[in-house]
Amino acid sequence: MNTTAFPLRPLGRSSLQVSPLCFGGNVFGWTVDAATSFSLLDAWLDAGMNFVDTADVYSRWVGGHAGGESETIIGQWLKQSGRREQLVLATKVGKDMGDGRTGLRPAYVRQAVDASLKRLQTDYIDLYQAHDDDQSVPLAEVLGTFDELIKAGKVRAIGASNYGAARLAEALQTSEKLGLARYESLQPLYNLYDRAVFETELQPLCAAQGLGVINFYALAAGFLSGKYRRPEDAAKSARGPSTVAKYLNPRGLAILDALDAVAARLQAQPSEVALAWLLRQPAVAAPIASATSLEQLQSLLRAARLQLDEAALQQLSRASAEH
C-alpha cells in the first residue's frame, strides 16, 4: 500500500490533515452499487488519498430513495474494511430529508448527527458541515450546537457549505466573540468556468481567515472533461441537458480549447488539467471529484500529480476569465 503518494494539507486551522483531492460520495448507491463503491473506497485509500465527502441527503433525489444511501454504503464499507482511522470522513446536515427533517435547528441537528453516525457505523465524524445556510436559526445557536457536538466527541471539526461571504464572515465573528468552534472549511461551487462568485468575495475571506476550501462541481458537472461539445452531447448522461444548457456557449468552448491545448502539451486529459488548475488556486485545500470506475479514479490520481507550469496556468486563467 502506498500511503505517502500525496502530501497531506491542513484543513483550515483544525487538526485534520487531508489529501489534495476529496472523493465525492454522492455516487455511492446512486450511479455505483455497493460492491463498486467498496472497491473505489479501497483504491482511494490504497493510493494514499484519505478524504471522502458525503451528506445525509445523498441520494434522496433518486426515485425510491429516502436519503442516507451514501452514508449507509460508506458505513458498510467501514465495518468490513476496518479502515476508519485512515479516513477523513466528511458529511453534511441541513438539506430536506422529508417529514420536517430539514435545516439547522439545534434539536434537529442533534438528531441528525446521531442518525448519520448510525448509518456510517462510526462514533465520530471528522468534518460535519452545514449543507446550507439556515437563516431562520441564529448563528449563535447553530454554532453552539456544533460546538456541543465537538465537546461530546461526535465531531472533530465543522464546516460550511453554500454560505455567502457576508454570512460566513458573520459566522466566524460569532464563533470568535462567543468562544465557540468555528467553521474550518467552506464547500462552494468553484471550477474553471464558475469563478467570479467565489473569487470575488469568498476566496479572499477564506484565505484571510485560514479556511480550507473543498469545492464541489470541480469539473462543472462533467463539462470540463470535454464530454459535452455539441448540443446533441446532452443525451450522453442524465445531467447532460442541464450541463449543456449552462456551459455550452462561446466562453465554455474557449475554456475547452485551452484545456485541450494544455492537455495535449502535457500528455494529460482535459479533466486532469482542470483539477490541477484548481489545486494551484489560493485557499483551495481539496477539490471534490467523483469517479464511477477504477479507470476514472486513476485519472483523479493523475490530476493530483500533474504539475502545471506558469504558461499553462496563465493560458487557462485567461481563457476562463469572466469579462
Protein backbone atom coordinates (compact mmCIF):
# COMPACT_ATOMS: atom_id res chain seq x y z
CA MET A 1 0.00 0.00 0.00
CA ASN A 2 1.36 3.41 -0.97
CA THR A 3 0.34 5.84 1.75
CA THR A 4 2.94 8.51 1.01
CA ALA A 5 1.94 9.27 -2.57
CA PHE A 6 0.30 12.60 -1.81
CA PRO A 7 1.37 15.26 0.69
CA LEU A 8 -1.46 15.97 3.12
CA ARG A 9 -2.72 19.51 3.62
CA PRO A 10 -4.10 21.06 6.82
CA LEU A 11 -7.84 21.73 6.64
CA GLY A 12 -8.29 25.24 7.95
CA ARG A 13 -6.89 25.60 11.46
CA SER A 14 -8.25 22.21 12.51
CA SER A 15 -6.19 19.16 13.39
CA LEU A 16 -7.39 17.43 10.21
CA GLN A 17 -4.82 16.67 7.50
CA VAL A 18 -6.39 15.92 4.13
CA SER A 19 -5.29 14.64 0.74
CA PRO A 20 -5.24 17.09 -2.20
CA LEU A 21 -8.48 15.67 -3.63
CA CYS A 22 -11.68 14.71 -1.86
CA PHE A 23 -13.78 11.84 -3.20
CA GLY A 24 -17.38 12.95 -3.74
CA GLY A 25 -19.62 10.31 -2.17
CA ASN A 26 -22.84 11.34 -3.89
CA VAL A 27 -22.29 8.49 -6.38
CA PHE A 28 -22.41 5.74 -3.74
CA GLY A 29 -25.72 3.92 -4.03
CA TRP A 30 -26.75 6.11 -6.95
CA THR A 31 -24.56 5.62 -10.03
CA VAL A 32 -22.39 2.92 -8.44
CA ASP A 33 -23.58 -0.09 -6.45
CA ALA A 34 -22.25 -1.19 -3.07
CA ALA A 35 -19.62 -3.57 -4.45
CA THR A 36 -18.17 -0.95 -6.80
CA SER A 37 -18.32 1.65 -4.03
CA PHE A 38 -16.26 -0.63 -1.78
CA SER A 39 -13.60 -1.14 -4.47
CA LEU A 40 -13.43 2.61 -5.17
CA LEU A 41 -13.02 3.44 -1.47
CA ASP A 42 -10.31 0.80 -1.05
CA ALA A 43 -8.46 2.03 -4.14
CA TRP A 44 -8.70 5.66 -2.94
CA LEU A 45 -7.06 4.83 0.37
CA ASP A 46 -4.57 2.42 -1.19
CA ALA A 47 -3.34 5.26 -3.41
CA GLY A 48 -2.64 7.49 -0.41
CA MET A 49 -5.78 9.63 -0.57
CA ASN A 50 -7.72 9.92 2.69
CA PHE A 51 -10.62 12.37 2.22
CA VAL A 52 -14.24 11.43 1.41
CA ASP A 53 -17.27 13.74 1.45
CA THR A 54 -20.92 12.74 1.65
CA ALA A 55 -24.20 14.07 3.09
CA ASP A 56 -27.18 12.67 4.91
CA VAL A 57 -29.44 13.58 1.97
CA TYR A 58 -27.46 11.58 -0.66
CA SER A 59 -29.24 10.22 -2.76
CA ARG A 60 -32.79 11.28 -1.92
CA TRP A 61 -33.25 12.73 -5.42
CA VAL A 62 -33.43 9.21 -6.88
CA GLY A 63 -36.86 7.66 -7.16
CA GLY A 64 -37.45 5.20 -4.33
CA HIS A 65 -34.56 6.59 -2.24
CA ALA A 66 -35.15 8.15 1.17
CA GLY A 67 -31.71 9.71 1.72
CA GLY A 68 -28.92 8.10 3.71
CA GLU A 69 -27.96 5.67 0.95
CA SER A 70 -24.42 7.03 0.52
CA GLU A 71 -23.71 7.14 4.26
CA THR A 72 -25.07 3.61 4.64
CA ILE A 73 -22.72 2.22 1.98
CA ILE A 74 -19.73 4.02 3.49
CA GLY A 75 -20.70 2.58 6.88
CA GLN A 76 -20.92 -0.94 5.49
CA TRP A 77 -17.50 -0.49 3.90
CA LEU A 78 -16.01 0.85 7.15
CA LYS A 79 -17.36 -2.13 9.08
CA GLN A 80 -15.99 -4.59 6.52
CA SER A 81 -12.63 -2.88 5.90
CA GLY A 82 -11.72 -1.69 9.39
CA ARG A 83 -10.07 1.39 7.84
CA ARG A 84 -11.79 4.14 9.83
CA GLU A 85 -8.53 5.55 11.22
CA GLN A 86 -7.13 6.03 7.70
CA LEU A 87 -10.11 8.10 6.59
CA VAL A 88 -11.03 11.76 6.98
CA LEU A 89 -14.79 11.46 6.75
CA ALA A 90 -16.95 14.49 5.96
CA THR A 91 -20.73 14.62 5.90
CA LYS A 92 -23.40 17.31 5.95
CA VAL A 93 -26.71 18.21 7.58
CA GLY A 94 -29.50 20.60 6.66
CA LYS A 95 -31.00 19.58 3.32
CA ASP A 96 -34.60 18.40 3.32
CA MET A 97 -34.82 14.76 4.43
CA GLY A 98 -38.64 14.76 4.48
CA ASP A 99 -41.11 14.73 7.37
CA GLY A 100 -39.92 18.11 8.59
CA ARG A 101 -36.31 16.94 8.92
CA THR A 102 -34.52 19.93 7.47
CA GLY A 103 -32.48 22.98 8.41
CA LEU A 104 -30.18 23.65 11.36
CA ARG A 105 -32.47 23.84 14.40
CA PRO A 106 -30.45 22.58 17.39
CA ALA A 107 -32.85 19.75 18.26
CA TYR A 108 -32.85 18.53 14.67
CA VAL A 109 -29.05 18.73 14.27
CA ARG A 110 -28.60 16.64 17.44
CA GLN A 111 -30.97 14.05 16.00
CA ALA A 112 -29.39 14.19 12.53
CA VAL A 113 -25.81 13.67 13.71
CA ASP A 114 -26.82 10.55 15.61
CA ALA A 115 -28.63 9.23 12.53
CA SER A 116 -25.53 9.87 10.39
CA LEU A 117 -23.24 8.19 12.94
CA LYS A 118 -25.52 5.15 12.96
CA ARG A 119 -25.58 4.89 9.15
CA LEU A 120 -21.81 5.45 8.95
CA GLN A 121 -21.21 2.83 11.67
CA THR A 122 -18.72 5.08 13.44
CA ASP A 123 -18.66 7.02 16.68
CA TYR A 124 -17.22 10.23 15.22
CA ILE A 125 -17.40 12.37 12.09
CA ASP A 126 -14.19 14.18 11.13
CA LEU A 127 -15.85 17.13 9.37
CA TYR A 128 -19.53 17.93 9.96
CA GLN A 129 -20.85 20.59 7.61
CA ALA A 130 -23.91 22.83 7.44
CA HIS A 131 -25.19 21.86 3.98
CA ASP A 132 -26.98 25.20 3.59
CA ASP A 133 -27.17 28.48 5.46
CA ASP A 134 -30.38 28.22 7.50
CA GLN A 135 -31.10 31.88 8.16
CA SER A 136 -34.14 31.03 10.30
CA VAL A 137 -31.82 29.91 13.13
CA PRO A 138 -29.49 32.42 14.84
CA LEU A 139 -25.84 31.71 14.06
CA ALA A 140 -25.08 31.60 17.78
CA GLU A 141 -27.48 28.65 18.11
CA VAL A 142 -26.15 26.86 15.03
CA LEU A 143 -22.53 27.22 16.13
CA GLY A 144 -23.38 26.50 19.75
CA THR A 145 -24.90 23.17 18.73
CA PHE A 146 -21.91 22.26 16.58
CA ASP A 147 -19.58 23.24 19.45
CA GLU A 148 -21.55 20.92 21.74
CA LEU A 149 -21.10 18.04 19.26
CA ILE A 150 -17.33 18.62 19.20
CA LYS A 151 -17.17 18.65 23.01
CA ALA A 152 -19.19 15.40 23.05
CA GLY A 153 -16.62 13.76 20.75
CA LYS A 154 -19.13 13.13 17.97
CA VAL A 155 -17.49 15.61 15.59
CA ARG A 156 -13.86 16.72 15.19
CA ALA A 157 -14.30 19.89 13.11
CA ILE A 158 -17.10 21.80 11.41
CA GLY A 159 -17.52 23.39 8.01
CA ALA A 160 -19.96 25.44 5.96
CA SER A 161 -21.43 24.73 2.54
CA ASN A 162 -23.30 27.15 0.27
CA TYR A 163 -22.71 30.18 2.52
CA GLY A 164 -22.35 33.67 1.07
CA ALA A 165 -19.37 35.79 2.09
CA ALA A 166 -21.28 38.13 4.41
CA ARG A 167 -22.90 35.28 6.35
CA LEU A 168 -19.65 33.31 6.52
CA ALA A 169 -17.86 36.36 7.92
CA GLU A 170 -20.67 36.82 10.45
CA ALA A 171 -20.41 33.16 11.47
CA LEU A 172 -16.66 33.45 12.01
CA GLN A 173 -17.14 36.62 14.08
CA THR A 174 -19.85 34.89 16.13
CA SER A 175 -17.55 31.96 16.91
CA GLU A 176 -14.75 34.28 17.97
CA LYS A 177 -16.99 36.50 20.09
CA LEU A 178 -18.70 33.62 21.90
CA GLY A 179 -15.69 31.30 22.14
CA LEU A 180 -17.35 28.61 20.01
CA ALA A 181 -15.93 26.21 17.44
CA ARG A 182 -15.61 27.90 14.06
CA TYR A 183 -16.14 26.78 10.50
CA GLU A 184 -12.78 25.43 9.33
CA SER A 185 -13.83 24.74 5.75
CA LEU A 186 -16.10 26.07 3.04
CA GLN A 187 -17.73 23.95 0.35
CA PRO A 188 -18.67 26.30 -2.51
CA LEU A 189 -19.29 25.93 -6.22
CA TYR A 190 -15.93 26.60 -7.91
CA ASN A 191 -14.31 25.43 -11.12
CA LEU A 192 -12.57 26.82 -14.19
CA TYR A 193 -15.93 28.08 -15.54
CA ASP A 194 -17.71 29.13 -12.33
CA ARG A 195 -15.13 31.57 -10.99
CA ALA A 196 -16.49 35.05 -10.31
CA VAL A 197 -18.77 34.42 -7.32
CA PHE A 198 -16.11 32.51 -5.39
CA GLU A 199 -13.06 34.54 -6.39
CA THR A 200 -14.59 37.97 -5.77
CA GLU A 201 -15.65 37.62 -2.12
CA LEU A 202 -15.32 34.11 -0.72
CA GLN A 203 -11.74 33.33 -1.74
CA PRO A 204 -10.21 36.44 -0.08
CA LEU A 205 -12.23 35.76 3.09
CA CYS A 206 -11.18 32.11 3.26
CA ALA A 207 -7.53 32.99 2.61
CA ALA A 208 -7.52 35.73 5.26
CA GLN A 209 -9.31 33.61 7.87
CA GLY A 210 -7.45 30.37 7.16
CA LEU A 211 -10.39 28.27 5.95
CA GLY A 212 -9.79 25.28 3.69
CA VAL A 213 -11.90 25.25 0.53
CA ILE A 214 -13.32 21.92 -0.63
CA ASN A 215 -15.22 22.97 -3.72
CA PHE A 216 -17.96 20.96 -5.40
CA TYR A 217 -18.67 20.66 -9.15
CA ALA A 218 -14.90 20.89 -9.66
CA LEU A 219 -15.43 19.69 -13.24
CA ALA A 220 -18.59 21.77 -13.84
CA ALA A 221 -20.91 18.74 -13.77
CA GLY A 222 -18.63 16.95 -16.23
CA PHE A 223 -18.40 19.76 -18.79
CA LEU A 224 -14.67 20.33 -18.20
CA SER A 225 -13.96 16.69 -19.09
CA GLY A 226 -14.72 17.63 -22.70
CA LYS A 227 -17.62 15.19 -22.80
CA TYR A 228 -20.14 17.82 -23.94
CA ARG A 229 -19.01 19.74 -27.02
CA ARG A 230 -22.19 19.86 -29.16
CA PRO A 231 -25.88 20.24 -28.26
CA GLU A 232 -26.52 16.59 -29.14
CA ASP A 233 -24.00 15.53 -26.48
CA ALA A 234 -26.70 16.36 -23.90
CA ALA A 235 -28.01 12.83 -24.45
CA LYS A 236 -24.81 11.32 -23.01
CA SER A 237 -25.99 11.36 -19.38
CA ALA A 238 -28.88 12.20 -17.08
CA ARG A 239 -27.33 15.55 -16.21
CA GLY A 240 -26.32 16.23 -19.82
CA PRO A 241 -29.21 18.57 -20.73
CA SER A 242 -28.66 20.90 -17.76
CA THR A 243 -24.87 20.82 -18.21
CA VAL A 244 -25.12 21.71 -21.91
CA ALA A 245 -27.68 24.44 -21.20
CA LYS A 246 -25.41 26.16 -18.67
CA TYR A 247 -21.92 25.65 -20.06
CA LEU A 248 -22.07 25.08 -23.84
CA ASN A 249 -21.53 28.65 -25.01
CA PRO A 250 -18.63 30.64 -26.51
CA ARG A 251 -16.87 31.06 -23.15
CA GLY A 252 -17.31 27.38 -22.30
CA LEU A 253 -15.90 26.36 -25.67
CA ALA A 254 -12.94 28.74 -25.24
CA ILE A 255 -12.18 27.04 -21.91
CA LEU A 256 -12.35 23.60 -23.56
CA ASP A 257 -9.96 24.82 -26.29
CA ALA A 258 -7.45 25.93 -23.65
CA LEU A 259 -7.85 22.66 -21.72
CA ASP A 260 -7.33 20.68 -24.93
CA ALA A 261 -4.17 22.64 -25.76
CA VAL A 262 -2.62 22.28 -22.31
CA ALA A 263 -3.66 18.62 -22.07
CA ALA A 264 -2.05 17.82 -25.42
CA ARG A 265 1.19 19.55 -24.42
CA LEU A 266 1.35 17.77 -21.04
CA GLN A 267 0.01 14.42 -22.28
CA ALA A 268 -2.94 14.55 -19.89
CA GLN A 269 -6.72 14.56 -20.09
CA PRO A 270 -8.69 17.84 -20.02
CA SER A 271 -10.36 16.88 -16.73
CA GLU A 272 -6.94 16.28 -15.15
CA VAL A 273 -5.76 19.71 -16.25
CA ALA A 274 -8.93 21.36 -14.89
CA LEU A 275 -8.39 19.77 -11.47
CA ALA A 276 -4.67 20.58 -11.47
CA TRP A 277 -5.54 24.25 -12.12
CA LEU A 278 -7.85 24.26 -9.09
CA LEU A 279 -5.11 22.81 -6.89
CA ARG A 280 -2.98 25.89 -7.61
CA GLN A 281 -5.65 28.41 -6.58
CA PRO A 282 -5.41 30.30 -3.26
CA ALA A 283 -7.29 28.81 -0.28
CA VAL A 284 -8.21 25.60 -2.12
CA ALA A 285 -7.47 22.60 0.11
CA ALA A 286 -9.08 19.74 -1.78
CA PRO A 287 -11.44 19.94 -4.76
CA ILE A 288 -14.23 17.36 -4.62
CA ALA A 289 -14.44 14.98 -7.57
CA SER A 290 -16.15 11.65 -8.12
CA ALA A 291 -15.39 8.50 -10.06
CA THR A 292 -17.69 5.66 -11.02
CA SER A 293 -14.95 3.28 -12.15
CA LEU A 294 -11.38 2.42 -11.19
CA GLU A 295 -10.28 3.85 -14.54
CA GLN A 296 -11.83 7.23 -13.67
CA LEU A 297 -10.28 7.06 -10.21
CA GLN A 298 -6.83 6.61 -11.75
CA SER A 299 -7.45 9.80 -13.74
CA LEU A 300 -8.16 11.68 -10.48
CA LEU A 301 -4.85 10.42 -9.08
CA ARG A 302 -3.03 11.60 -12.20
CA ALA A 303 -4.66 15.02 -11.80
CA ALA A 304 -3.33 15.33 -8.26
CA ARG A 305 0.20 14.59 -9.51
CA LEU A 306 0.02 16.85 -12.56
CA GLN A 307 2.26 19.91 -12.34
CA LEU A 308 1.08 22.86 -14.41
CA ASP A 309 3.76 25.32 -15.45
CA GLU A 310 3.20 29.07 -15.35
CA ALA A 311 2.36 29.22 -19.06
CA ALA A 312 -0.39 26.63 -18.64
CA LEU A 313 -1.85 28.38 -15.59
CA GLN A 314 -1.93 31.70 -17.41
CA GLN A 315 -3.44 30.20 -20.56
CA LEU A 316 -6.26 28.60 -18.55
CA SER A 317 -6.89 31.66 -16.39
CA ARG A 318 -7.04 33.94 -19.44
CA ALA A 319 -9.38 31.66 -21.38
CA SER A 320 -11.75 31.35 -18.43
CA ALA A 321 -11.74 34.98 -17.29
CA GLU A 322 -15.28 36.32 -16.82
CA HIS A 323 -15.48 39.64 -18.66
